[in-house]
Protein backbone atom coordinates (compact mmCIF):
# COMPACT_ATOMS: atom_id res chain seq x y z
CA UNK A 1 35.14 -4.40 -3.87
CA UNK A 2 31.73 -3.87 -5.45
CA UNK A 3 32.41 -0.47 -6.94
CA UNK A 4 34.44 0.48 -9.97
CA UNK A 5 38.13 1.26 -9.66
CA UNK A 6 38.50 4.97 -8.96
CA UNK A 7 42.22 4.77 -8.21
CA UNK A 8 43.04 7.55 -10.66
CA UNK A 9 40.72 9.88 -8.79
CA UNK A 10 42.32 9.06 -5.46
CA UNK A 11 45.61 10.49 -6.70
CA UNK A 12 45.96 14.05 -5.50
CA UNK A 13 43.95 16.12 -8.01
CA UNK A 14 44.37 19.77 -8.85
CA UNK A 15 42.48 20.89 -5.77
CA UNK A 16 40.55 24.18 -6.11
CA UNK A 17 41.68 27.21 -4.23
CA UNK A 18 38.63 27.43 -1.97
CA UNK A 19 38.47 27.24 1.83
CA UNK A 20 38.27 23.75 3.31
CA UNK A 21 34.86 23.16 4.88
CA UNK A 22 34.16 20.36 7.37
CA UNK A 23 30.60 19.36 8.24
CA UNK A 24 29.71 16.84 10.94
CA UNK A 25 26.62 14.64 10.71
CA UNK A 26 25.51 11.04 11.02
CA UNK A 27 27.36 8.20 9.33
CA UNK A 28 24.83 6.26 7.26
CA UNK A 29 27.29 3.89 5.62
CA UNK A 30 30.93 3.37 6.63
CA UNK A 31 33.90 3.75 4.35
CA UNK A 32 35.84 6.62 2.80
CA UNK A 33 34.81 8.23 -0.47
CA UNK A 34 36.86 10.79 -2.36
CA UNK A 35 35.89 12.48 -5.59
CA UNK A 36 34.34 15.42 -7.44
CA UNK A 37 31.20 16.91 -5.92
CA UNK A 38 27.95 16.54 -7.80
CA UNK A 39 24.76 18.32 -6.75
CA UNK A 40 21.74 16.10 -7.34
CA UNK A 41 18.83 17.82 -9.06
CA UNK A 42 15.66 16.27 -7.68
CA UNK A 43 13.14 19.02 -8.39
CA UNK A 44 9.81 18.33 -10.11
CA UNK A 45 9.45 19.29 -13.78
CA UNK A 46 7.61 22.55 -14.38
CA UNK A 47 3.98 21.98 -15.34
CA UNK A 48 1.60 24.14 -17.37
CA UNK A 49 -2.14 23.91 -16.76
CA UNK A 50 -4.82 24.20 -19.44
CA UNK A 51 -8.29 22.92 -20.29
CA UNK A 52 -8.93 20.08 -22.72
CA UNK A 53 -11.83 20.44 -25.12
CA UNK A 54 -14.40 17.68 -24.75
CA UNK A 55 -13.67 15.94 -28.04
CA UNK A 56 -9.98 15.62 -27.12
CA UNK A 57 -10.52 14.05 -23.68
CA UNK A 58 -10.03 10.54 -25.02
CA UNK A 59 -6.74 11.56 -26.62
CA UNK A 60 -5.57 13.14 -23.35
CA UNK A 61 -6.41 9.98 -21.43
CA UNK A 62 -4.43 7.99 -24.00
CA UNK A 63 -1.49 10.39 -23.58
CA UNK A 64 -1.57 9.82 -19.83
CA UNK A 65 -1.79 6.05 -20.34
CA UNK A 66 1.27 6.09 -22.59
CA UNK A 67 3.23 8.03 -19.96
CA UNK A 68 2.00 5.62 -17.29
CA UNK A 69 3.06 2.63 -19.40
CA UNK A 70 6.47 4.19 -20.09
CA UNK A 71 6.95 4.90 -16.38
CA UNK A 72 5.93 1.35 -15.53
CA UNK A 73 8.41 -0.10 -18.02
CA UNK A 74 11.21 2.12 -16.72
CA UNK A 75 10.65 0.93 -13.15
CA UNK A 76 10.33 -2.68 -14.31
CA UNK A 77 13.74 -2.34 -15.98
CA UNK A 78 15.19 -0.91 -12.76
CA UNK A 79 13.70 -3.83 -10.86
CA UNK A 80 15.22 -6.34 -13.25
CA UNK A 81 18.58 -4.59 -12.97
CA UNK A 82 18.37 -4.59 -9.15
CA UNK A 83 17.79 -8.34 -9.16
CA UNK A 84 20.78 -9.21 -11.34
CA UNK A 85 23.49 -6.66 -10.57
CA UNK A 86 26.14 -7.43 -8.00
CA UNK A 87 25.98 -3.85 -6.71
CA UNK A 88 22.69 -4.53 -4.95
CA UNK A 89 24.04 -6.67 -2.14
CA UNK A 90 20.88 -6.39 -0.12
CA UNK A 91 18.23 -6.02 -2.78
CA UNK A 92 15.30 -6.11 -0.36
CA UNK A 93 15.02 -2.36 0.15
CA UNK A 94 15.44 -1.55 -3.55
CA UNK A 95 13.13 -4.35 -4.65
CA UNK A 96 10.33 -3.58 -2.21
CA UNK A 97 10.49 0.09 -3.16
CA UNK A 98 10.36 -0.56 -6.89
CA UNK A 99 7.56 -3.09 -6.52
CA UNK A 100 5.55 -0.58 -4.49
CA UNK A 101 5.99 1.96 -7.29
CA UNK A 102 4.96 -0.60 -9.90
CA UNK A 103 1.81 -1.29 -7.90
CA UNK A 104 1.05 2.43 -7.73
CA UNK A 105 1.30 2.67 -11.52
CA UNK A 106 -0.66 -0.52 -12.17
CA UNK A 107 -3.97 0.09 -10.44
CA UNK A 108 -4.21 2.50 -7.56
CA UNK A 109 -6.12 5.39 -6.10
CA UNK A 110 -3.45 7.67 -7.51
CA UNK A 111 -3.94 6.53 -11.12
CA UNK A 112 -7.72 6.52 -10.77
CA UNK A 113 -7.59 10.01 -9.31
CA UNK A 114 -5.56 11.36 -12.23
CA UNK A 115 -7.97 9.84 -14.77
CA UNK A 116 -10.93 11.33 -12.89
CA UNK A 117 -9.41 14.81 -12.90
CA UNK A 118 -8.76 14.62 -16.64
CA UNK A 119 -12.30 13.39 -17.43
CA UNK A 120 -14.36 15.46 -14.97
CA UNK A 121 -12.30 18.65 -14.73
CA UNK A 122 -11.03 18.48 -18.35
CA UNK A 123 -7.49 19.11 -17.10
CA UNK A 124 -4.38 18.34 -19.10
CA UNK A 125 -2.61 15.21 -17.85
CA UNK A 126 0.37 17.07 -16.34
CA UNK A 127 -1.86 19.31 -14.21
CA UNK A 128 -4.02 16.33 -13.19
CA UNK A 129 -0.92 14.43 -12.01
CA UNK A 130 0.38 17.45 -10.12
CA UNK A 131 -2.92 18.13 -8.32
CA UNK A 132 -3.46 14.48 -7.42
CA UNK A 133 0.13 14.18 -6.23
CA UNK A 134 -0.12 17.29 -4.05
CA UNK A 135 -3.46 16.24 -2.55
CA UNK A 136 -2.23 12.76 -1.67
CA UNK A 137 1.04 14.09 -0.24
CA UNK A 138 -0.99 16.45 1.96
CA UNK A 139 -3.24 13.64 3.20
CA UNK A 140 -0.28 11.39 4.02
CA UNK A 141 1.58 14.19 5.80
CA UNK A 142 -1.39 14.83 8.10
CA UNK A 143 -1.56 11.22 9.31
CA UNK A 144 -0.25 10.41 12.78
CA UNK A 145 1.29 7.08 11.82
CA UNK A 146 4.86 7.74 10.65
CA UNK A 147 4.99 4.64 8.43
CA UNK A 148 1.88 5.54 6.45
CA UNK A 149 2.90 9.19 6.35
CA UNK A 150 6.21 8.18 4.75
CA UNK A 151 4.28 6.70 1.80
CA UNK A 152 3.84 10.29 0.62
CA UNK A 153 7.42 10.04 -0.67
CA UNK A 154 6.37 7.16 -2.93
CA UNK A 155 3.54 9.26 -4.35
CA UNK A 156 5.98 12.10 -4.99
CA UNK A 157 8.53 9.83 -6.71
CA UNK A 158 5.93 8.22 -8.97
CA UNK A 159 4.32 11.57 -9.74
CA UNK A 160 7.63 13.15 -10.74
CA UNK A 161 8.41 10.23 -13.04
CA UNK A 162 5.01 10.57 -14.72
CA UNK A 163 5.55 14.31 -15.18
CA UNK A 164 8.96 13.77 -16.75
CA UNK A 165 7.49 11.27 -19.20
CA UNK A 166 4.53 13.52 -20.00
CA UNK A 167 6.79 16.52 -20.63
CA UNK A 168 9.67 14.54 -22.19
CA UNK A 169 12.04 15.98 -19.58
CA UNK A 170 14.98 13.71 -18.87
CA UNK A 171 16.31 13.08 -15.38
CA UNK A 172 19.68 14.42 -16.45
CA UNK A 173 21.12 14.77 -12.95
CA UNK A 174 21.67 11.04 -12.69
CA UNK A 175 22.88 10.70 -16.25
CA UNK A 176 25.54 13.39 -15.96
CA UNK A 177 27.26 12.25 -12.79
CA UNK A 178 31.01 11.84 -13.38
CA UNK A 179 32.82 8.60 -12.62
CA UNK A 180 33.65 8.55 -8.94
CA UNK A 181 31.35 11.49 -8.26
CA UNK A 182 29.99 12.17 -4.78
CA UNK A 183 26.32 13.11 -4.59
CA UNK A 184 25.26 16.05 -2.46
CA UNK A 185 21.57 16.77 -2.01
CA UNK A 186 19.05 18.07 0.49
CA UNK A 187 17.36 14.70 0.18
CA UNK A 188 18.39 11.53 -1.63
CA UNK A 189 15.40 9.24 -1.72
CA UNK A 190 15.49 5.44 -1.99
CA UNK A 191 14.15 5.87 -5.52
CA UNK A 192 17.12 8.08 -6.38
CA UNK A 193 19.45 5.36 -5.14
CA UNK A 194 17.58 2.69 -7.09
CA UNK A 195 18.11 4.79 -10.24
CA UNK A 196 21.76 5.65 -9.60
CA UNK A 197 24.59 3.94 -11.47
CA UNK A 198 26.17 2.59 -8.30
CA UNK A 199 29.18 1.31 -10.23
CA UNK A 200 30.04 4.94 -10.95
CA UNK A 201 29.32 6.85 -7.75
CA UNK A 202 31.77 6.91 -4.85
CA UNK A 203 29.66 8.32 -2.01
CA UNK A 204 26.72 10.50 -1.04
CA UNK A 205 25.57 13.13 1.43
CA UNK A 206 21.92 13.86 2.20
CA UNK A 207 20.62 16.36 4.70
CA UNK A 208 17.75 13.96 5.46
CA UNK A 209 18.15 10.35 6.53
CA UNK A 210 18.81 7.99 9.45
CA UNK A 211 20.93 4.85 9.75
CA UNK A 212 17.76 2.82 10.18
CA UNK A 213 15.90 4.46 7.28
CA UNK A 214 15.59 2.99 3.81
CA UNK A 215 18.19 5.30 2.26
CA UNK A 216 20.79 4.42 4.90
CA UNK A 217 20.13 0.70 4.61
CA UNK A 218 20.34 0.83 0.82
CA UNK A 219 23.58 2.84 0.88
CA UNK A 220 25.19 0.22 3.13
CA UNK A 221 23.89 -2.66 1.04
CA UNK A 222 25.30 -1.05 -2.12
CA UNK A 223 28.65 -0.43 -0.44
CA UNK A 224 28.42 3.35 -0.84
CA UNK A 225 29.92 5.50 1.97
CA UNK A 226 27.24 7.96 3.07
CA UNK A 227 26.63 10.80 5.53
CA UNK A 228 23.44 12.63 6.54
CA UNK A 229 22.13 15.27 8.93
CA UNK A 230 25.02 17.71 8.52
CA UNK A 231 22.69 20.56 9.46
CA UNK A 232 23.13 22.49 6.23
CA UNK A 233 24.42 22.13 2.70
CA UNK A 234 28.08 23.05 2.12
CA UNK A 235 28.57 26.79 1.53
CA UNK A 236 31.53 26.57 -0.85
CA UNK A 237 30.67 23.87 -3.41
CA UNK A 238 31.77 24.84 -6.92
CA UNK A 239 31.81 23.09 -10.25
CA UNK A 240 35.40 22.00 -9.66
CA UNK A 241 35.10 21.16 -5.96
CA UNK A 242 36.35 17.88 -4.54
CA UNK A 243 34.75 16.16 -1.57
CA UNK A 244 35.72 13.57 1.04
CA UNK A 245 33.18 11.49 2.96
CA UNK A 246 34.12 9.59 6.12
CA UNK A 247 31.06 7.39 6.55
CA UNK A 248 32.21 5.83 9.82
CA UNK A 249 32.62 9.19 11.57
CA UNK A 250 29.84 11.02 9.74
CA UNK A 251 32.13 13.69 8.29
CA UNK A 252 31.86 15.59 5.02
CA UNK A 253 34.90 17.60 3.87
CA UNK A 254 34.48 20.02 0.97
CA UNK A 255 37.47 21.51 -0.85
CA UNK A 256 40.03 19.53 1.18
CA UNK A 257 43.58 20.79 1.42
CA UNK A 258 46.31 18.71 -0.17
CA UNK A 259 47.36 17.54 3.29
CA UNK A 260 43.79 16.40 4.13
CA UNK A 261 43.44 14.69 0.77
CA UNK A 262 46.68 12.70 1.24
CA UNK A 263 45.68 11.74 4.80
CA UNK A 264 42.36 10.26 3.71
CA UNK A 265 43.90 8.66 0.65
CA UNK A 266 46.25 6.72 2.95
CA UNK A 267 43.31 5.70 5.16
CA UNK A 268 41.32 4.56 2.13
CA UNK A 269 44.22 2.47 0.84
CA UNK A 270 44.43 0.74 4.23
CA UNK A 271 40.68 0.05 4.17
CA UNK A 272 40.93 -1.52 0.72
CA UNK A 273 43.93 -3.63 1.69
CA UNK A 274 42.10 -4.90 4.79
CA UNK A 275 38.98 -5.70 2.78
CA UNK A 276 40.98 -7.50 0.09
CA UNK A 277 42.70 -9.55 2.79
CA UNK A 278 39.34 -10.44 4.34
CA UNK A 279 38.03 -11.48 0.94
CA UNK A 280 41.04 -13.73 0.30
CA UNK A 281 40.47 -15.38 3.70
CA UNK A 282 36.68 -15.60 3.38
CA UNK A 283 36.67 -19.40 3.42
CA UNK A 284 38.68 -19.62 6.63
CA UNK A 285 36.58 -20.65 9.66
CA UNK A 286 35.62 -17.85 12.06
CA UNK A 287 37.32 -18.85 15.32
CA UNK A 288 38.28 -16.25 17.89
CA UNK A 289 41.82 -16.15 19.29
CA UNK A 290 40.65 -18.23 22.25
CA UNK A 291 39.16 -20.89 19.92
CA UNK A 292 35.47 -19.97 20.13
CA UNK A 293 33.63 -20.55 16.84
CA UNK A 294 31.15 -17.95 15.60
CA UNK A 295 29.01 -19.02 12.65
CA UNK A 296 28.69 -16.17 10.17
CA UNK A 297 25.81 -16.71 7.77
CA UNK A 298 24.29 -14.55 5.05
CA UNK A 299 20.74 -13.37 4.44
CA UNK A 300 19.02 -13.97 1.11
CA UNK A 301 16.41 -11.56 -0.18
CA UNK A 302 16.30 -12.47 -3.87
CA UNK A 303 17.52 -15.37 -5.95
CA UNK A 304 20.17 -13.05 -7.39
CA UNK A 305 21.78 -13.02 -3.93
CA UNK A 306 22.69 -16.71 -4.17
CA UNK A 307 25.86 -16.30 -6.19
CA UNK A 308 27.13 -13.58 -3.85
CA UNK A 309 26.36 -15.73 -0.82
CA UNK A 310 28.30 -18.68 -2.20
CA UNK A 311 31.25 -16.40 -2.95
CA UNK A 312 31.12 -14.66 0.44
CA UNK A 313 32.40 -17.57 2.53
CA UNK A 314 29.17 -17.68 4.56
CA UNK A 315 28.60 -20.80 6.63
CA UNK A 316 25.00 -20.97 5.51
CA UNK A 317 21.92 -18.89 4.77
CA UNK A 318 20.64 -17.48 8.03
CA UNK A 319 17.44 -16.11 6.53
CA UNK A 320 15.59 -16.67 3.27
CA UNK A 321 12.94 -13.97 2.95
CA UNK A 322 10.04 -15.66 1.17
CA UNK A 323 7.83 -12.58 0.95
CA UNK A 324 9.62 -11.41 -2.19
CA UNK A 325 7.64 -14.09 -4.07
CA UNK A 326 4.42 -12.25 -3.17
CA UNK A 327 5.44 -8.66 -3.88
CA UNK A 328 4.55 -6.53 -6.89
CA UNK A 329 1.98 -8.91 -8.39
CA UNK A 330 -1.80 -9.06 -8.54
CA UNK A 331 -1.99 -12.82 -7.96
CA UNK A 332 -0.54 -15.18 -5.37
CA UNK A 333 2.15 -17.80 -6.05
CA UNK A 334 0.83 -21.33 -5.57
CA UNK A 335 2.71 -24.10 -3.78
CA UNK A 336 4.24 -25.37 -7.01
CA UNK A 337 5.73 -21.99 -7.94
CA UNK A 338 7.07 -21.42 -4.43
CA UNK A 339 8.57 -24.91 -4.36
CA UNK A 340 10.39 -24.37 -7.66
CA UNK A 341 12.00 -21.18 -6.39
CA UNK A 342 12.91 -22.50 -2.95
CA UNK A 343 14.24 -25.73 -4.42
CA UNK A 344 16.64 -23.69 -6.57
CA UNK A 345 17.92 -21.89 -3.47
CA UNK A 346 18.34 -25.05 -1.40
CA UNK A 347 20.09 -26.95 -4.20
CA UNK A 348 22.41 -24.02 -4.90
CA UNK A 349 23.37 -23.89 -1.22
CA UNK A 350 25.28 -27.14 -1.72
CA UNK A 351 24.21 -28.67 1.61
CA UNK A 352 24.95 -25.53 3.63
CA UNK A 353 22.24 -24.95 6.26
CA UNK A 354 19.34 -22.85 4.98
CA UNK A 355 16.78 -21.16 7.23
CA UNK A 356 13.58 -20.33 5.37
CA UNK A 357 11.26 -17.80 7.00
CA UNK A 358 7.54 -18.00 6.33
CA UNK A 359 6.25 -14.87 4.63
CA UNK A 360 6.58 -11.63 6.57
CA UNK A 361 3.97 -9.71 4.61
CA UNK A 362 2.56 -6.53 6.15
CA UNK A 363 4.13 -3.48 7.73
CA UNK A 364 6.44 -2.03 5.08
CA UNK A 365 6.03 -5.04 2.78
CA UNK A 366 2.75 -4.97 0.92
CA UNK A 367 1.41 -7.49 -1.58
CA UNK A 368 -1.43 -6.19 -3.83
CA UNK A 369 -3.27 -9.52 -3.90
CA UNK A 370 -3.29 -9.73 -0.10
CA UNK A 371 -4.15 -6.05 0.28
CA UNK A 372 -7.33 -6.63 -1.72
CA UNK A 373 -8.33 -9.46 0.55
CA UNK A 374 -7.32 -8.11 3.96
CA UNK A 375 -7.00 -4.39 3.36
CA UNK A 376 -4.44 -2.18 5.08
CA UNK A 377 -5.07 -1.42 8.73
CA UNK A 378 -4.65 2.00 10.35
CA UNK A 379 -1.21 0.98 11.64
CA UNK A 380 0.32 -1.74 9.41
CA UNK A 381 3.37 -2.20 11.65
CA UNK A 382 1.03 -3.33 14.43
CA UNK A 383 -1.59 -4.94 12.23
CA UNK A 384 -2.31 -8.18 10.42
CA UNK A 385 1.16 -9.17 9.26
CA UNK A 386 3.68 -12.02 9.30
CA UNK A 387 2.50 -15.18 11.10
CA UNK A 388 -0.72 -13.47 12.16
CA UNK A 389 -1.69 -13.09 8.53
CA UNK A 390 -0.55 -16.62 7.62
CA UNK A 391 -2.61 -18.19 10.39
CA UNK A 392 -5.67 -16.14 9.47
CA UNK A 393 -5.48 -17.60 5.97
CA UNK A 394 -4.58 -21.29 6.51
CA UNK A 395 -4.46 -22.09 2.81
CA UNK A 396 -1.60 -19.61 2.40
CA UNK A 397 0.42 -21.18 5.20
CA UNK A 398 -0.34 -24.70 3.95
CA UNK A 399 0.85 -23.82 0.44
CA UNK A 400 4.01 -22.27 1.78
CA UNK A 401 4.64 -25.19 4.12
CA UNK A 402 4.20 -27.63 1.23
CA UNK A 403 6.75 -25.72 -0.82
CA UNK A 404 9.29 -25.59 2.02
CA UNK A 405 8.90 -29.28 2.92
CA UNK A 406 9.36 -30.36 -0.67
CA UNK A 407 12.41 -28.11 -1.04
CA UNK A 408 13.86 -29.54 2.17
CA UNK A 409 14.47 -32.82 0.34
CA UNK A 410 17.35 -31.16 -1.49
CA UNK A 411 19.33 -29.81 1.44
CA UNK A 412 19.60 -28.84 5.10
CA UNK A 413 16.50 -26.72 5.80
CA UNK A 414 15.12 -25.10 8.95
CA UNK A 415 11.86 -23.12 9.16
CA UNK A 416 11.60 -19.75 10.92
CA UNK A 417 8.32 -18.14 12.01
CA UNK A 418 8.24 -14.29 12.04
CA UNK A 419 6.60 -11.99 14.60
CA UNK A 420 5.80 -14.69 17.14
CA UNK A 421 3.92 -13.41 20.18
CA UNK A 422 2.50 -16.60 21.73
CA UNK A 423 3.25 -20.28 22.26
CA UNK A 424 -0.02 -21.16 20.52
CA UNK A 425 1.26 -19.66 17.26
CA UNK A 426 4.24 -22.03 17.23
CA UNK A 427 1.99 -24.98 18.10
CA UNK A 428 -0.35 -24.09 15.24
CA UNK A 429 2.51 -23.79 12.75
CA UNK A 430 3.95 -27.11 13.88
CA UNK A 431 0.52 -28.73 13.47
CA UNK A 432 0.27 -27.38 9.91
CA UNK A 433 3.80 -28.61 9.19
CA UNK A 434 2.99 -32.12 10.47
CA UNK A 435 -0.35 -32.36 8.68
CA UNK A 436 1.15 -31.09 5.42
CA UNK A 437 3.95 -33.66 5.62
CA UNK A 438 1.37 -36.38 6.21
CA UNK A 439 -0.74 -35.29 3.24
CA UNK A 440 2.27 -35.13 0.93
CA UNK A 441 3.30 -38.65 1.91
CA UNK A 442 -0.20 -39.91 1.13
CA UNK A 443 0.16 -38.39 -2.33
CA UNK A 444 3.56 -40.10 -2.75
CA UNK A 445 5.26 -36.72 -3.01
CA UNK A 446 8.92 -36.84 -2.08
CA UNK A 447 9.46 -35.24 1.36
CA UNK A 448 12.28 -35.27 3.95
CA UNK A 449 12.48 -38.28 6.26
CA UNK A 450 12.02 -36.06 9.30
CA UNK A 451 10.55 -32.64 9.93
CA UNK A 452 12.79 -29.59 9.58
CA UNK A 453 13.65 -27.74 12.76
CA UNK A 454 11.12 -25.04 13.66
CA UNK A 455 12.22 -21.73 15.16
CA UNK A 456 10.73 -18.45 16.33
CA UNK A 457 11.77 -14.96 15.29
CA UNK A 458 12.11 -13.02 18.54
CA UNK A 459 11.23 -9.47 17.59
CA UNK A 460 8.30 -8.57 19.87
CA UNK A 461 8.71 -7.78 23.58
CA UNK A 462 5.95 -10.29 24.40
CA UNK A 463 8.08 -13.09 22.95
CA UNK A 464 10.95 -12.15 25.23
CA UNK A 465 8.85 -12.43 28.36
CA UNK A 466 7.55 -15.90 27.43
CA UNK A 467 10.94 -17.02 26.13
CA UNK A 468 11.16 -19.96 28.56
CA UNK A 469 7.81 -21.34 27.40
CA UNK A 470 8.54 -20.65 23.73
CA UNK A 471 11.91 -22.40 23.98
CA UNK A 472 10.13 -25.60 25.02
CA UNK A 473 8.21 -25.60 21.73
CA UNK A 474 10.99 -24.37 19.43
CA UNK A 475 14.16 -25.90 18.05
CA UNK A 476 15.94 -22.53 17.82
CA UNK A 477 15.49 -18.76 18.22
CA UNK A 478 16.51 -15.94 15.91
CA UNK A 479 16.66 -12.39 17.28
CA UNK A 480 15.21 -9.82 14.88
CA UNK A 481 16.95 -6.78 16.31
CA UNK A 482 15.45 -4.07 14.08
CA UNK A 483 11.83 -4.71 15.05
CA UNK A 484 12.71 -5.61 18.64
CA UNK A 485 14.29 -2.19 19.14
CA UNK A 486 11.48 -0.43 17.30
CA UNK A 487 8.66 -2.09 19.23
CA UNK A 488 10.36 -1.90 22.61
CA UNK A 489 11.33 1.77 22.43
CA UNK A 490 8.26 2.92 20.44
CA UNK A 491 10.64 4.52 17.94
CA UNK A 492 10.07 4.12 14.21
CA UNK A 493 13.46 3.28 12.73
CA UNK A 494 12.59 5.08 9.49
CA UNK A 495 11.56 8.32 11.18
CA UNK A 496 14.45 10.78 11.29
CA UNK A 497 12.88 12.56 14.28
CA UNK A 498 13.13 9.29 16.22
CA UNK A 499 16.83 8.81 15.53
CA UNK A 500 17.86 9.83 19.05
CA UNK A 501 15.35 7.38 20.55
CA UNK A 502 16.11 4.37 18.33
CA UNK A 503 18.91 2.95 20.44
CA UNK A 504 19.90 -0.70 19.83
CA UNK A 505 22.03 -0.76 23.02
CA UNK A 506 19.41 0.69 25.31
CA UNK A 507 19.51 -0.99 28.76
CA UNK A 508 16.06 -2.50 28.13
CA UNK A 509 17.23 -4.08 24.85
CA UNK A 510 20.31 -5.66 26.46
CA UNK A 511 18.18 -6.96 29.32
CA UNK A 512 15.81 -8.56 26.79
CA UNK A 513 18.67 -10.17 24.90
CA UNK A 514 20.01 -11.57 28.19
CA UNK A 515 16.59 -13.10 28.95
CA UNK A 516 16.58 -14.68 25.50
CA UNK A 517 20.12 -16.05 25.87
CA UNK A 518 19.29 -17.56 29.26
CA UNK A 519 16.12 -19.20 27.91
CA UNK A 520 18.04 -20.78 25.03
CA UNK A 521 20.78 -22.01 27.36
CA UNK A 522 18.20 -23.54 29.67
CA UNK A 523 16.42 -25.31 26.80
CA UNK A 524 19.71 -26.14 25.05
CA UNK A 525 18.63 -24.61 21.74
CA UNK A 526 20.73 -22.31 19.50
CA UNK A 527 20.22 -18.57 19.26
CA UNK A 528 21.22 -16.39 16.32
CA UNK A 529 21.08 -12.66 15.65
CA UNK A 530 19.67 -11.66 12.30
CA UNK A 531 20.03 -8.07 11.18
CA UNK A 532 22.37 -5.17 10.71
CA UNK A 533 23.43 -4.99 14.35
CA UNK A 534 25.21 -8.31 13.93
CA UNK A 535 27.48 -6.65 11.39
CA UNK A 536 28.24 -3.60 13.55
CA UNK A 537 31.82 -3.98 14.86
CA UNK A 538 31.09 -1.87 17.93
CA UNK A 539 28.12 -4.03 18.99
CA UNK A 540 29.23 -7.49 17.81
CA UNK A 541 31.69 -7.94 20.74
CA UNK A 542 28.82 -7.28 23.14
CA UNK A 543 26.69 -10.00 21.50
CA UNK A 544 29.59 -12.45 21.64
CA UNK A 545 30.28 -11.65 25.29
CA UNK A 546 26.59 -12.34 26.04
CA UNK A 547 26.91 -15.81 24.51
CA UNK A 548 25.65 -15.45 20.95
CA UNK A 549 27.56 -17.70 18.57
CA UNK A 550 25.61 -17.41 15.33
CA UNK A 551 24.85 -14.30 13.28
CA UNK A 552 23.35 -13.57 9.87
CA UNK A 553 24.36 -10.50 7.87
CA UNK A 554 24.20 -9.30 4.28
CA UNK A 555 26.54 -11.15 1.88
CA UNK A 556 28.81 -8.15 1.31
CA UNK A 557 29.63 -8.01 5.02
CA UNK A 558 30.46 -11.68 5.59
CA UNK A 559 34.22 -11.65 4.79
CA UNK A 560 34.87 -8.62 7.00
CA UNK A 561 32.83 -9.97 9.93
CA UNK A 562 34.69 -13.30 9.76
CA UNK A 563 37.99 -11.40 9.77
CA UNK A 564 36.87 -9.40 12.81
CA UNK A 565 35.93 -12.56 14.69
CA UNK A 566 39.39 -14.04 14.09
CA UNK A 567 40.98 -11.02 15.81
CA UNK A 568 38.73 -11.16 18.90
CA UNK A 569 39.23 -12.74 22.31
CA UNK A 570 35.94 -13.79 23.94
CA UNK A 571 37.56 -13.96 27.37
CA UNK A 572 38.48 -10.27 27.19
CA UNK A 573 34.94 -9.32 26.20
CA UNK A 574 33.42 -11.41 28.99
CA UNK A 575 35.70 -9.77 31.53
CA UNK A 576 34.62 -6.33 30.30
CA UNK A 577 30.98 -7.38 30.56
CA UNK A 578 31.38 -8.75 34.08
CA UNK A 579 33.07 -5.56 35.23
CA UNK A 580 30.72 -3.26 33.35
CA UNK A 581 27.34 -1.75 34.12
CA UNK A 582 24.49 -2.53 31.73
CA UNK A 583 21.76 -0.94 33.83
CA UNK A 584 22.40 2.61 32.61
CA UNK A 585 23.15 4.09 29.22
CA UNK A 586 26.31 5.69 30.54
CA UNK A 587 27.49 2.31 31.79
CA UNK A 588 26.75 0.62 28.46
CA UNK A 589 28.58 3.33 26.53
CA UNK A 590 31.63 2.84 28.77
CA UNK A 591 31.38 -0.92 28.31
CA UNK A 592 31.37 -0.64 24.52
CA UNK A 593 34.36 1.70 24.69
CA UNK A 594 36.24 -0.76 26.94
CA UNK A 595 35.52 -3.63 24.54
CA UNK A 596 36.71 -1.56 21.60
CA UNK A 597 39.97 -0.83 23.41
CA UNK A 598 40.72 -4.41 24.40
CA UNK A 599 40.01 -5.45 20.81
CA UNK A 600 41.91 -2.43 19.40
CA UNK A 601 39.06 -1.90 17.00
CA UNK A 602 40.72 0.99 15.18
CA UNK A 603 43.42 -1.32 13.88
CA UNK A 604 40.93 -3.95 12.76
CA UNK A 605 37.99 -1.96 11.44
CA UNK A 606 38.36 1.14 9.31
């Protein structure tokens, strides 16, 4: 397990004599957490406003700069910690968040605005930060695009950190959490999670948050059971209250009775036993009961993930996200730097297959150096991003292709192209790959004897409907389920208001997956699923019944998913699918229930 041992807490404590309160919400992260309640204080420091006399303006600017530098260093330390600690099993969300905050403190409209208010309005630094923060939050909130509007949270987080450093107010809420404490808050932001000592906390509850949002994704990647959207905060939380979180069912229990506490303690012990068993058997192959092999690979976001991947029992690296090399810096990595980093990954993989994705910059992943050159469009999710950006700047794609080809000498490498929407894009990438290989050979640079396999990330509806043509130009497909669902249903996965519309088993989504499976079968190329859905035990049987035999999940999940596969029977799932109805949501829900019953999911997954 990734968290500290809280076994002493799980023993029946002296439970307070308060009424048991049960709140139902959304399960953000599965698992059972039991421990003392801890209310998270996330309010902004109080700020006084006063005028600065003209001769002291320079000193006030210097005071702001010192607070800015201190804030920058604090976030840089958090970023370094996120990259090396084993608790961050999917460091992408934490890393991207922290790098965005570093960029905001380095050189941004926000920083320039604060300086301007101090100089022109002769405001003290605290008041200047508060006014600039409030104005920018207001502007973001008024925007129609939900992604850009959500950036107001980043402004708020950075502003609060600056205010704490200007006023020397410590963020004591995080510091004072007891071992095994369970966080309760109206809102727990991704920045809160990035700052939390995850080896000490047992679980969390936030009134705000969706499974597809950053906080939910980070909670799962850190192995922290979490619940959201309970409707209201608990009414009877006291300083000595104990709390239980059932992340799978989305339940929060405050002041549990002794009987309830013992019931969940038994369930938690079973969960831990099952997980320990899965970990011990992590190197066993993932064959179903009827001898069908399912390849379970891991995704790599940062180099720090490599050790966890090798220890997870994964059959390879299903996705290397290269964009992390471009984030949080004012310059761009050249081919040599990219090669050095990718070579380290490929060599460490010890001949396991490695799929390297060309950079997926844009959308929610911004790189300052590229922003300066291309700007940020009115809707980044639908703008110049991923392969569109790479092809619009050929030198970037050529440098990345050079790095990947040189790294491919040291292992078994495939290349994956993100956000493909046309056959021409694949043809152009293949042409760049071939010309780069030719140039490297002319320079007597060591390269692989043959080109790596080239695949397309299927995450746009357009790619689904040209799947037959794409399959003729590709060596493999990888389904990017998060974006496919988002773009198909016009539902932002990070927008809590869209939670009821973001449905990964919508009839349209299953129909698209079927089209993709058929195209791959016809062209005799492999298809994998990359994303969180592949690690969802209620949906995985559906994927397997539809013919998918390769999935990529976060390293923490690999042992459990392999264990699940070994308890499945593909024939049973196929029979359920043949007898089921996938044309209506009601039919799909019944199908998933039928698959869960024939698999007896409750005995396998807790």
